[in-house]
N, C-alpha and C. Protein backbone atom coordinates (compact mmCIF):
# COMPACT_ATOMS: atom_id res chain seq x y z
N MET A 1 28.63 -11.79 -25.11
CA MET A 1 29.06 -10.46 -24.66
C MET A 1 27.99 -9.85 -23.75
N ILE A 2 28.42 -9.29 -22.62
CA ILE A 2 27.49 -8.66 -21.68
C ILE A 2 27.23 -7.24 -22.14
N THR A 3 26.00 -6.92 -22.46
CA THR A 3 25.64 -5.60 -22.94
C THR A 3 25.36 -4.66 -21.79
N VAL A 4 25.26 -3.36 -22.11
CA VAL A 4 24.93 -2.36 -21.08
C VAL A 4 23.57 -2.67 -20.48
N LYS A 5 22.60 -3.05 -21.31
CA LYS A 5 21.27 -3.35 -20.81
C LYS A 5 21.29 -4.56 -19.87
N THR A 6 22.14 -5.55 -20.20
CA THR A 6 22.23 -6.72 -19.32
C THR A 6 22.79 -6.33 -17.98
N ARG A 7 23.84 -5.49 -17.97
CA ARG A 7 24.44 -5.04 -16.70
C ARG A 7 23.43 -4.24 -15.89
N LEU A 8 22.71 -3.34 -16.58
CA LEU A 8 21.72 -2.54 -15.86
C LEU A 8 20.62 -3.41 -15.28
N GLY A 9 20.22 -4.44 -16.07
CA GLY A 9 19.19 -5.35 -15.56
C GLY A 9 19.64 -6.07 -14.31
N ALA A 10 20.91 -6.49 -14.30
CA ALA A 10 21.44 -7.18 -13.12
C ALA A 10 21.49 -6.26 -11.92
N ILE A 11 21.88 -5.00 -12.16
CA ILE A 11 21.96 -4.04 -11.06
C ILE A 11 20.57 -3.77 -10.48
N ILE A 12 19.57 -3.64 -11.37
CA ILE A 12 18.21 -3.41 -10.90
C ILE A 12 17.71 -4.58 -10.08
N ILE A 13 18.04 -5.80 -10.51
CA ILE A 13 17.63 -6.99 -9.76
C ILE A 13 18.26 -6.97 -8.37
N ILE A 14 19.55 -6.58 -8.29
CA ILE A 14 20.21 -6.49 -6.99
C ILE A 14 19.51 -5.47 -6.11
N GLY A 15 19.13 -4.34 -6.73
CA GLY A 15 18.43 -3.31 -5.97
C GLY A 15 17.12 -3.80 -5.42
N LEU A 16 16.37 -4.56 -6.24
CA LEU A 16 15.10 -5.11 -5.78
C LEU A 16 15.33 -6.13 -4.67
N ALA A 17 16.42 -6.90 -4.81
CA ALA A 17 16.72 -7.89 -3.77
C ALA A 17 16.99 -7.22 -2.44
N LEU A 18 17.69 -6.06 -2.48
CA LEU A 18 17.94 -5.33 -1.24
C LEU A 18 16.63 -4.89 -0.60
N LEU A 19 15.69 -4.45 -1.43
CA LEU A 19 14.41 -4.01 -0.88
C LEU A 19 13.61 -5.20 -0.35
N TRP A 20 13.74 -6.38 -0.98
CA TRP A 20 13.04 -7.55 -0.49
C TRP A 20 13.53 -7.97 0.89
N LEU A 21 14.76 -7.53 1.24
CA LEU A 21 15.29 -7.86 2.55
C LEU A 21 14.63 -7.05 3.66
N VAL A 22 13.86 -6.03 3.26
CA VAL A 22 13.18 -5.20 4.25
C VAL A 22 12.07 -6.02 4.90
N THR A 23 12.21 -6.30 6.18
CA THR A 23 11.24 -7.15 6.86
C THR A 23 10.37 -6.38 7.84
N GLY A 24 10.67 -5.12 8.01
CA GLY A 24 9.87 -4.33 8.95
C GLY A 24 10.52 -2.99 9.18
N CYS A 25 9.82 -2.13 9.88
CA CYS A 25 10.31 -0.77 10.09
C CYS A 25 10.50 -0.47 11.56
N ARG A 26 10.50 -1.48 12.41
CA ARG A 26 10.60 -1.24 13.85
C ARG A 26 12.00 -1.59 14.34
N SER A 27 12.59 -0.67 15.10
CA SER A 27 13.90 -0.93 15.69
C SER A 27 13.73 -1.72 16.97
N THR A 28 14.85 -2.14 17.55
CA THR A 28 14.79 -2.90 18.80
C THR A 28 14.24 -2.06 19.94
N SER A 29 14.27 -0.73 19.81
CA SER A 29 13.76 0.14 20.87
C SER A 29 12.25 0.37 20.73
N GLY A 30 11.65 -0.18 19.68
CA GLY A 30 10.22 0.01 19.47
C GLY A 30 9.90 1.19 18.58
N TYR A 31 10.92 1.92 18.13
CA TYR A 31 10.72 3.07 17.25
C TYR A 31 10.42 2.58 15.83
N ASP A 32 9.46 3.20 15.17
CA ASP A 32 9.13 2.85 13.79
C ASP A 32 9.89 3.76 12.83
N TYR A 33 10.88 3.18 12.15
CA TYR A 33 11.64 3.97 11.18
C TYR A 33 10.76 4.39 10.02
N LYS A 34 11.02 5.59 9.51
CA LYS A 34 10.26 6.10 8.38
C LYS A 34 10.82 5.60 7.05
N GLY A 35 12.13 5.30 7.02
CA GLY A 35 12.73 4.76 5.81
C GLY A 35 12.55 3.26 5.73
N ALA A 36 12.90 2.68 4.58
CA ALA A 36 12.85 1.23 4.40
C ALA A 36 14.06 0.60 5.08
N VAL A 37 13.82 -0.34 5.97
CA VAL A 37 14.87 -0.93 6.80
C VAL A 37 15.43 -2.19 6.15
N LEU A 38 16.74 -2.31 6.12
CA LEU A 38 17.38 -3.55 5.72
C LEU A 38 17.66 -4.35 6.98
N ASP A 39 17.11 -5.54 7.05
CA ASP A 39 17.26 -6.36 8.25
C ASP A 39 17.71 -7.76 7.83
N PRO A 40 18.97 -8.12 8.10
CA PRO A 40 19.96 -7.33 8.85
C PRO A 40 20.58 -6.24 7.99
N PRO A 41 21.22 -5.24 8.62
CA PRO A 41 21.92 -4.22 7.85
C PRO A 41 23.02 -4.84 7.00
N THR A 42 23.33 -4.21 5.87
CA THR A 42 24.32 -4.74 4.93
C THR A 42 25.68 -4.10 5.17
N PRO A 43 26.70 -4.87 5.58
CA PRO A 43 28.05 -4.29 5.75
C PRO A 43 28.58 -3.79 4.41
N LEU A 44 29.30 -2.68 4.44
CA LEU A 44 29.84 -2.08 3.22
C LEU A 44 31.35 -2.08 3.25
N ASP A 45 31.96 -2.45 2.13
CA ASP A 45 33.41 -2.38 2.01
C ASP A 45 33.85 -0.92 1.91
N ASP A 46 35.08 -0.68 2.28
CA ASP A 46 35.63 0.66 2.16
C ASP A 46 35.86 1.00 0.69
N PHE A 47 35.89 2.28 0.37
CA PHE A 47 36.23 2.71 -0.98
C PHE A 47 36.95 4.04 -0.90
N GLU A 48 37.60 4.41 -1.99
CA GLU A 48 38.33 5.67 -2.05
C GLU A 48 37.91 6.46 -3.28
N LEU A 49 37.56 7.73 -3.07
CA LEU A 49 37.30 8.66 -4.15
C LEU A 49 38.01 9.98 -3.83
N THR A 50 37.78 10.99 -4.65
CA THR A 50 38.44 12.29 -4.45
C THR A 50 37.42 13.32 -3.99
N ASP A 51 37.75 14.08 -2.93
CA ASP A 51 36.81 15.07 -2.42
C ASP A 51 36.96 16.40 -3.16
N THR A 52 36.21 17.40 -2.71
CA THR A 52 36.18 18.68 -3.43
C THR A 52 37.47 19.47 -3.31
N LYS A 53 38.36 19.06 -2.42
CA LYS A 53 39.66 19.72 -2.28
C LYS A 53 40.76 18.94 -3.01
N GLY A 54 40.36 17.90 -3.73
CA GLY A 54 41.33 17.09 -4.46
C GLY A 54 42.04 16.07 -3.60
N ARG A 55 41.53 15.83 -2.39
CA ARG A 55 42.16 14.88 -1.48
C ARG A 55 41.46 13.53 -1.53
N PRO A 56 42.19 12.46 -1.23
CA PRO A 56 41.53 11.15 -1.18
C PRO A 56 40.57 11.07 0.00
N PHE A 57 39.43 10.47 -0.23
CA PHE A 57 38.41 10.32 0.81
C PHE A 57 38.00 8.85 0.84
N HIS A 58 37.93 8.28 2.05
CA HIS A 58 37.54 6.89 2.23
C HIS A 58 36.21 6.83 2.98
N LEU A 59 35.39 5.87 2.63
CA LEU A 59 34.14 5.69 3.37
C LEU A 59 34.43 5.45 4.84
N SER A 60 35.54 4.77 5.13
CA SER A 60 35.91 4.49 6.52
C SER A 60 36.19 5.77 7.31
N ASP A 61 36.39 6.89 6.62
CA ASP A 61 36.58 8.16 7.32
C ASP A 61 35.33 8.56 8.09
N THR A 62 34.19 7.98 7.74
CA THR A 62 32.93 8.31 8.41
C THR A 62 32.55 7.29 9.48
N ASP A 63 33.40 6.28 9.72
CA ASP A 63 33.08 5.27 10.73
C ASP A 63 32.82 5.94 12.08
N GLY A 64 31.79 5.46 12.78
CA GLY A 64 31.44 6.02 14.08
C GLY A 64 30.42 7.13 14.00
N GLU A 65 30.05 7.50 12.78
CA GLU A 65 29.05 8.55 12.57
C GLU A 65 27.97 8.05 11.62
N VAL A 66 26.87 8.76 11.58
CA VAL A 66 25.80 8.42 10.64
C VAL A 66 26.10 9.12 9.31
N THR A 67 25.92 8.40 8.22
CA THR A 67 26.24 8.94 6.91
C THR A 67 25.09 8.73 5.94
N LEU A 68 24.74 9.78 5.22
CA LEU A 68 23.76 9.70 4.14
C LEU A 68 24.52 9.72 2.82
N ILE A 69 24.24 8.77 1.95
CA ILE A 69 24.90 8.72 0.64
C ILE A 69 23.87 8.91 -0.46
N TYR A 70 24.24 9.75 -1.42
CA TYR A 70 23.37 9.99 -2.56
C TYR A 70 24.22 9.98 -3.83
N PHE A 71 23.74 9.28 -4.85
CA PHE A 71 24.41 9.24 -6.14
C PHE A 71 23.70 10.21 -7.09
N GLY A 72 24.40 11.27 -7.50
CA GLY A 72 23.77 12.27 -8.34
C GLY A 72 24.80 13.01 -9.17
N TYR A 73 24.41 14.15 -9.74
CA TYR A 73 25.35 14.93 -10.53
C TYR A 73 24.89 16.38 -10.58
N THR A 74 25.83 17.28 -10.77
CA THR A 74 25.53 18.70 -10.62
C THR A 74 24.71 19.27 -11.77
N PHE A 75 24.71 18.62 -12.94
CA PHE A 75 23.91 19.08 -14.08
C PHE A 75 22.48 18.55 -14.01
N CYS A 76 22.16 17.78 -12.99
CA CYS A 76 20.82 17.23 -12.81
C CYS A 76 19.82 18.38 -12.69
N PRO A 77 18.76 18.38 -13.51
CA PRO A 77 17.86 19.53 -13.53
C PRO A 77 16.87 19.63 -12.38
N ASP A 78 16.61 18.52 -11.68
CA ASP A 78 15.54 18.58 -10.68
C ASP A 78 15.74 17.66 -9.47
N VAL A 79 15.83 16.36 -9.70
CA VAL A 79 15.83 15.39 -8.60
C VAL A 79 16.98 15.62 -7.61
N CYS A 80 18.17 15.84 -8.13
CA CYS A 80 19.34 15.98 -7.24
C CYS A 80 19.27 17.23 -6.35
N PRO A 81 19.05 18.41 -6.93
CA PRO A 81 18.99 19.59 -6.05
C PRO A 81 17.81 19.55 -5.08
N LEU A 82 16.69 18.98 -5.50
CA LEU A 82 15.55 18.87 -4.60
C LEU A 82 15.86 17.93 -3.43
N THR A 83 16.54 16.83 -3.72
CA THR A 83 16.90 15.89 -2.66
C THR A 83 17.88 16.53 -1.69
N MET A 84 18.88 17.22 -2.21
CA MET A 84 19.85 17.88 -1.33
C MET A 84 19.17 18.94 -0.47
N TRP A 85 18.19 19.64 -1.03
CA TRP A 85 17.48 20.65 -0.25
C TRP A 85 16.65 19.99 0.85
N ASP A 86 16.03 18.85 0.54
CA ASP A 86 15.27 18.11 1.57
C ASP A 86 16.19 17.66 2.70
N VAL A 87 17.40 17.21 2.35
CA VAL A 87 18.36 16.79 3.38
C VAL A 87 18.76 17.99 4.23
N LYS A 88 19.04 19.11 3.59
CA LYS A 88 19.41 20.33 4.32
C LYS A 88 18.29 20.73 5.28
N THR A 89 17.05 20.65 4.81
CA THR A 89 15.89 20.99 5.64
C THR A 89 15.79 20.04 6.84
N ALA A 90 16.01 18.75 6.59
CA ALA A 90 15.94 17.76 7.67
C ALA A 90 17.01 18.03 8.72
N LEU A 91 18.22 18.35 8.28
CA LEU A 91 19.32 18.56 9.22
C LEU A 91 19.08 19.76 10.13
N ALA A 92 18.26 20.70 9.69
CA ALA A 92 17.95 21.86 10.53
C ALA A 92 17.22 21.44 11.80
N ASP A 93 16.61 20.26 11.80
CA ASP A 93 15.90 19.75 12.97
C ASP A 93 16.66 18.62 13.67
N VAL A 94 17.96 18.53 13.42
CA VAL A 94 18.81 17.51 14.04
C VAL A 94 19.83 18.22 14.93
N PRO A 95 19.63 18.21 16.25
CA PRO A 95 20.53 18.94 17.15
C PRO A 95 21.99 18.51 17.04
N HIS A 96 22.23 17.22 16.76
CA HIS A 96 23.61 16.71 16.67
C HIS A 96 24.00 16.47 15.22
N LYS A 97 23.67 17.40 14.34
CA LYS A 97 23.95 17.20 12.92
C LYS A 97 25.45 17.19 12.62
N ASP A 98 26.27 17.62 13.59
CA ASP A 98 27.71 17.52 13.39
C ASP A 98 28.18 16.07 13.37
N GLN A 99 27.30 15.14 13.77
CA GLN A 99 27.60 13.71 13.73
C GLN A 99 27.01 13.05 12.49
N VAL A 100 26.55 13.87 11.54
CA VAL A 100 25.95 13.35 10.30
C VAL A 100 26.77 13.83 9.10
N ASN A 101 27.16 12.91 8.24
CA ASN A 101 27.83 13.25 7.00
C ASN A 101 26.85 13.06 5.85
N VAL A 102 26.89 13.96 4.89
CA VAL A 102 26.10 13.81 3.67
C VAL A 102 27.09 13.68 2.51
N VAL A 103 27.15 12.49 1.94
CA VAL A 103 28.13 12.19 0.90
C VAL A 103 27.43 12.15 -0.46
N PHE A 104 27.77 13.09 -1.31
CA PHE A 104 27.21 13.20 -2.65
C PHE A 104 28.25 12.63 -3.62
N ILE A 105 27.96 11.47 -4.19
CA ILE A 105 28.90 10.81 -5.11
C ILE A 105 28.45 11.08 -6.54
N SER A 106 29.31 11.71 -7.32
CA SER A 106 28.94 12.07 -8.68
C SER A 106 28.90 10.86 -9.60
N VAL A 107 27.82 10.77 -10.38
CA VAL A 107 27.71 9.74 -11.42
C VAL A 107 28.02 10.35 -12.78
N ASP A 108 28.63 11.53 -12.75
CA ASP A 108 29.02 12.24 -13.98
C ASP A 108 30.44 12.78 -13.82
N PRO A 109 31.41 11.87 -13.61
CA PRO A 109 32.77 12.35 -13.33
C PRO A 109 33.40 13.11 -14.49
N GLU A 110 32.84 12.95 -15.67
CA GLU A 110 33.37 13.67 -16.84
C GLU A 110 33.24 15.18 -16.66
N ARG A 111 32.13 15.63 -16.06
CA ARG A 111 31.90 17.07 -15.87
C ARG A 111 32.07 17.51 -14.43
N ASP A 112 31.84 16.61 -13.49
CA ASP A 112 31.88 16.99 -12.07
C ASP A 112 33.29 16.89 -11.50
N THR A 113 34.07 17.92 -11.76
CA THR A 113 35.40 18.00 -11.17
C THR A 113 35.26 18.37 -9.69
N PRO A 114 36.31 18.22 -8.91
CA PRO A 114 36.24 18.66 -7.51
C PRO A 114 35.79 20.10 -7.35
N ALA A 115 36.27 21.00 -8.22
CA ALA A 115 35.89 22.41 -8.12
C ALA A 115 34.41 22.62 -8.41
N VAL A 116 33.89 21.91 -9.40
CA VAL A 116 32.47 22.02 -9.74
C VAL A 116 31.61 21.52 -8.58
N LEU A 117 31.98 20.39 -8.01
CA LEU A 117 31.25 19.84 -6.87
C LEU A 117 31.29 20.78 -5.67
N ASP A 118 32.44 21.41 -5.47
CA ASP A 118 32.59 22.33 -4.33
C ASP A 118 31.62 23.50 -4.45
N ARG A 119 31.54 24.09 -5.63
CA ARG A 119 30.62 25.20 -5.84
C ARG A 119 29.17 24.75 -5.65
N TYR A 120 28.84 23.60 -6.15
CA TYR A 120 27.46 23.10 -6.11
C TYR A 120 27.01 22.83 -4.67
N LEU A 121 27.84 22.16 -3.89
CA LEU A 121 27.44 21.73 -2.55
C LEU A 121 27.61 22.82 -1.49
N SER A 122 28.36 23.87 -1.82
CA SER A 122 28.55 24.94 -0.83
C SER A 122 27.23 25.62 -0.47
N ALA A 123 26.23 25.48 -1.35
CA ALA A 123 24.93 26.11 -1.08
C ALA A 123 24.13 25.35 -0.03
N PHE A 124 24.54 24.13 0.29
CA PHE A 124 23.74 23.30 1.18
C PHE A 124 24.28 23.23 2.60
N GLY A 125 25.59 23.20 2.78
CA GLY A 125 26.12 23.19 4.14
C GLY A 125 27.42 22.43 4.27
N PRO A 126 28.14 22.63 5.37
CA PRO A 126 29.44 21.99 5.56
C PRO A 126 29.35 20.48 5.75
N GLU A 127 28.15 19.95 6.04
CA GLU A 127 28.01 18.51 6.21
C GLU A 127 28.04 17.79 4.87
N PHE A 128 27.92 18.52 3.77
CA PHE A 128 27.82 17.93 2.44
C PHE A 128 29.22 17.72 1.85
N ILE A 129 29.52 16.47 1.57
CA ILE A 129 30.84 16.08 1.07
C ILE A 129 30.68 15.61 -0.38
N GLY A 130 31.35 16.29 -1.30
CA GLY A 130 31.28 15.90 -2.71
C GLY A 130 32.43 14.99 -3.08
N LEU A 131 32.13 13.90 -3.77
CA LEU A 131 33.16 12.95 -4.17
C LEU A 131 33.06 12.64 -5.66
N THR A 132 34.20 12.47 -6.29
CA THR A 132 34.24 12.10 -7.69
C THR A 132 35.43 11.18 -7.93
N GLY A 133 35.45 10.57 -9.10
CA GLY A 133 36.51 9.64 -9.45
C GLY A 133 36.22 9.09 -10.83
N ASN A 134 37.10 8.24 -11.35
CA ASN A 134 36.83 7.71 -12.68
C ASN A 134 35.60 6.80 -12.65
N TRP A 135 35.01 6.60 -13.82
CA TRP A 135 33.74 5.88 -13.89
C TRP A 135 33.85 4.46 -13.36
N GLU A 136 34.97 3.79 -13.58
CA GLU A 136 35.14 2.42 -13.11
C GLU A 136 35.01 2.34 -11.59
N LYS A 137 35.59 3.31 -10.90
CA LYS A 137 35.49 3.34 -9.43
C LYS A 137 34.06 3.59 -8.99
N VAL A 138 33.41 4.56 -9.63
CA VAL A 138 32.04 4.90 -9.25
C VAL A 138 31.10 3.73 -9.52
N GLU A 139 31.27 3.08 -10.65
CA GLU A 139 30.41 1.96 -11.01
C GLU A 139 30.53 0.83 -9.98
N ALA A 140 31.75 0.57 -9.51
CA ALA A 140 31.96 -0.47 -8.51
C ALA A 140 31.29 -0.12 -7.19
N ILE A 141 31.25 1.17 -6.85
CA ILE A 141 30.62 1.61 -5.60
C ILE A 141 29.10 1.51 -5.69
N LEU A 142 28.55 1.73 -6.87
CA LEU A 142 27.10 1.65 -7.06
C LEU A 142 26.54 0.26 -6.74
N ARG A 143 27.28 -0.77 -7.09
CA ARG A 143 26.74 -2.13 -7.06
C ARG A 143 26.24 -2.57 -5.69
N PRO A 144 27.00 -2.42 -4.61
CA PRO A 144 26.50 -2.89 -3.31
C PRO A 144 25.22 -2.20 -2.85
N PHE A 145 24.94 -1.02 -3.41
CA PHE A 145 23.72 -0.30 -3.06
C PHE A 145 22.54 -0.70 -3.95
N GLY A 146 22.82 -1.49 -4.98
CA GLY A 146 21.77 -1.83 -5.92
C GLY A 146 21.38 -0.63 -6.76
N ALA A 147 22.30 0.32 -6.91
CA ALA A 147 22.03 1.55 -7.65
C ALA A 147 22.60 1.46 -9.06
N TYR A 148 22.15 2.35 -9.92
CA TYR A 148 22.64 2.36 -11.30
C TYR A 148 22.75 3.80 -11.79
N ALA A 149 23.49 3.97 -12.87
CA ALA A 149 23.58 5.26 -13.56
C ALA A 149 23.96 4.98 -15.01
N GLU A 150 23.37 5.76 -15.92
CA GLU A 150 23.65 5.56 -17.34
C GLU A 150 23.51 6.89 -18.07
N LYS A 151 24.51 7.21 -18.89
CA LYS A 151 24.46 8.45 -19.67
C LYS A 151 23.39 8.34 -20.75
N GLU A 152 22.66 9.44 -20.94
CA GLU A 152 21.61 9.49 -21.96
C GLU A 152 21.80 10.73 -22.83
N GLU A 153 22.01 10.51 -24.12
CA GLU A 153 22.12 11.64 -25.05
C GLU A 153 20.74 12.27 -25.22
N THR A 154 20.70 13.58 -25.21
CA THR A 154 19.41 14.28 -25.29
C THR A 154 19.11 14.83 -26.67
N GLY A 155 20.11 14.98 -27.50
CA GLY A 155 19.90 15.61 -28.79
C GLY A 155 19.94 17.12 -28.69
N ASP A 156 20.01 17.63 -27.49
CA ASP A 156 20.10 19.07 -27.25
C ASP A 156 21.56 19.43 -27.03
N LEU A 157 22.15 20.12 -28.00
CA LEU A 157 23.58 20.40 -27.93
C LEU A 157 23.94 21.26 -26.72
N SER A 158 23.01 22.10 -26.27
CA SER A 158 23.30 22.96 -25.12
C SER A 158 23.38 22.15 -23.83
N ALA A 159 22.52 21.11 -23.72
CA ALA A 159 22.53 20.27 -22.52
C ALA A 159 23.62 19.20 -22.59
N GLY A 160 23.98 18.80 -23.80
CA GLY A 160 25.00 17.76 -23.95
C GLY A 160 24.41 16.39 -23.71
N TYR A 161 24.24 16.03 -22.45
CA TYR A 161 23.65 14.75 -22.08
C TYR A 161 23.13 14.83 -20.65
N LEU A 162 22.26 13.91 -20.32
CA LEU A 162 21.78 13.75 -18.96
C LEU A 162 22.27 12.40 -18.45
N VAL A 163 22.11 12.16 -17.16
CA VAL A 163 22.48 10.87 -16.58
C VAL A 163 21.27 10.31 -15.85
N SER A 164 20.76 9.20 -16.35
CA SER A 164 19.68 8.50 -15.65
C SER A 164 20.29 7.75 -14.48
N HIS A 165 19.72 7.92 -13.28
CA HIS A 165 20.35 7.31 -12.11
C HIS A 165 19.33 7.02 -11.02
N THR A 166 19.71 6.15 -10.10
CA THR A 166 18.88 5.85 -8.95
C THR A 166 18.74 7.10 -8.10
N ALA A 167 17.51 7.39 -7.69
CA ALA A 167 17.25 8.63 -6.94
C ALA A 167 17.04 8.38 -5.46
N ARG A 168 17.44 7.23 -4.95
CA ARG A 168 17.25 6.93 -3.54
C ARG A 168 18.37 7.53 -2.68
N LEU A 169 18.04 7.74 -1.43
CA LEU A 169 18.99 8.22 -0.43
C LEU A 169 19.29 7.04 0.49
N TYR A 170 20.57 6.84 0.80
CA TYR A 170 20.98 5.67 1.59
C TYR A 170 21.57 6.12 2.93
N LEU A 171 21.12 5.48 4.01
CA LEU A 171 21.62 5.82 5.34
C LEU A 171 22.52 4.71 5.85
N ILE A 172 23.74 5.11 6.21
CA ILE A 172 24.76 4.19 6.73
C ILE A 172 24.89 4.42 8.22
N ASN A 173 24.82 3.37 9.02
CA ASN A 173 24.92 3.53 10.46
C ASN A 173 26.39 3.67 10.89
N PRO A 174 26.66 3.97 12.17
CA PRO A 174 28.05 4.18 12.60
C PRO A 174 28.96 2.97 12.44
N LYS A 175 28.37 1.78 12.22
CA LYS A 175 29.18 0.57 12.01
C LYS A 175 29.51 0.34 10.54
N ARG A 176 29.24 1.32 9.70
CA ARG A 176 29.43 1.25 8.25
C ARG A 176 28.58 0.14 7.63
N GLU A 177 27.30 0.15 8.03
CA GLU A 177 26.34 -0.80 7.48
C GLU A 177 25.18 -0.02 6.85
N LEU A 178 24.73 -0.49 5.70
CA LEU A 178 23.56 0.10 5.05
C LEU A 178 22.32 -0.32 5.83
N LEU A 179 21.65 0.65 6.45
CA LEU A 179 20.53 0.36 7.33
C LEU A 179 19.18 0.78 6.76
N LEU A 180 19.14 1.96 6.14
CA LEU A 180 17.87 2.50 5.67
C LEU A 180 18.02 3.09 4.27
N THR A 181 16.93 3.05 3.49
CA THR A 181 16.91 3.74 2.21
C THR A 181 15.63 4.57 2.13
N TYR A 182 15.70 5.66 1.38
CA TYR A 182 14.58 6.58 1.24
C TYR A 182 14.33 6.88 -0.23
N PRO A 183 13.08 6.96 -0.63
CA PRO A 183 12.77 7.29 -2.02
C PRO A 183 12.92 8.78 -2.26
N PHE A 184 12.92 9.16 -3.53
CA PHE A 184 12.90 10.58 -3.87
C PHE A 184 11.66 11.22 -3.25
N ASP A 185 11.80 12.46 -2.81
CA ASP A 185 10.73 13.24 -2.21
C ASP A 185 10.39 12.77 -0.79
N VAL A 186 11.40 12.21 -0.10
CA VAL A 186 11.20 11.85 1.30
C VAL A 186 10.84 13.12 2.09
N GLU A 187 9.94 12.98 3.05
CA GLU A 187 9.58 14.12 3.89
C GLU A 187 10.77 14.47 4.80
N PRO A 188 11.24 15.71 4.80
CA PRO A 188 12.35 16.09 5.67
C PRO A 188 12.10 15.76 7.14
N ALA A 189 10.85 15.90 7.59
CA ALA A 189 10.53 15.60 8.99
C ALA A 189 10.75 14.12 9.30
N ASP A 190 10.44 13.25 8.34
CA ASP A 190 10.65 11.81 8.53
C ASP A 190 12.13 11.49 8.60
N LEU A 191 12.90 12.09 7.71
CA LEU A 191 14.35 11.86 7.71
C LEU A 191 14.97 12.37 9.00
N ALA A 192 14.55 13.55 9.44
CA ALA A 192 15.07 14.11 10.69
C ALA A 192 14.74 13.21 11.88
N SER A 193 13.53 12.65 11.88
CA SER A 193 13.12 11.77 12.96
C SER A 193 14.01 10.53 13.04
N ASP A 194 14.30 9.92 11.89
CA ASP A 194 15.17 8.73 11.87
C ASP A 194 16.58 9.08 12.30
N LEU A 195 17.09 10.21 11.83
CA LEU A 195 18.45 10.62 12.21
C LEU A 195 18.55 10.86 13.71
N ASN A 196 17.57 11.54 14.26
CA ASN A 196 17.60 11.80 15.71
C ASN A 196 17.51 10.51 16.50
N GLN A 197 16.71 9.55 16.04
CA GLN A 197 16.60 8.27 16.72
C GLN A 197 17.93 7.54 16.73
N LEU A 198 18.60 7.50 15.59
CA LEU A 198 19.89 6.81 15.51
C LEU A 198 20.94 7.51 16.36
N LEU A 199 20.98 8.82 16.29
CA LEU A 199 21.98 9.57 17.06
C LEU A 199 21.73 9.44 18.56
N ASN A 200 20.47 9.46 18.97
CA ASN A 200 20.15 9.29 20.39
C ASN A 200 20.54 7.90 20.87
N GLN A 201 20.33 6.89 20.03
CA GLN A 201 20.74 5.53 20.39
C GLN A 201 22.25 5.47 20.57
N ASP A 202 22.98 6.11 19.65
CA ASP A 202 24.43 6.08 19.69
C ASP A 202 24.95 6.77 20.94
N PHE A 203 24.40 7.94 21.27
CA PHE A 203 24.85 8.67 22.45
C PHE A 203 24.51 7.89 23.73
N SER A 204 23.34 7.23 23.73
CA SER A 204 22.94 6.46 24.92
C SER A 204 23.87 5.28 25.14
N SER A 205 24.24 4.59 24.05
CA SER A 205 25.12 3.42 24.17
C SER A 205 26.51 3.83 24.61
N ASN A 206 26.98 5.00 24.15
CA ASN A 206 28.32 5.47 24.53
C ASN A 206 28.39 5.93 25.97
N SER A 207 27.26 6.40 26.51
CA SER A 207 27.26 6.89 27.87
C SER A 207 27.00 5.80 28.90
N SER A 208 26.54 4.63 28.39
CA SER A 208 26.23 3.54 29.33
C SER A 208 27.45 2.70 29.65
């Protein structure tokens, strides 16, 4: 029988394998990316979850744009809101931020209804897209990223439970490929620099 610990161990190994694929931080233009680069980028399959308005949302809806994906939950006491604030701060220095999607995928679908996600993300900006769905769907989406999430009972009846989860931020390029990952507490200026580089490359290629 495959236990929860065995599954988590396998997911962690996949995550480490993704990081081992990082061979450098320099793009073909000579720019040094601040995030960890996957070389080659990892193509991602499409998926469907539910957005904050109760509508189906597909990853393919973001094709042609840069997308940041984060796995978190609204009851998270620190890491999640701090990461979202860092992303909001970074986007303030991105002139073409309308070409950037920030996708927050809940790893706590039991509590994170579309309405709860809508209230939570409205504080950060219109670029922030909240998604939720049943746990089986979310778990399947975690795997290609090498990410994990696991409910942890706290013993505190007021808190109920927490969710231990991967705290990395994932950047998807316009071709729907996983290109860069960032650790918790990434410098907003570094994230903004990478976003501007990618967007400038995209605009240059479209105009040529």
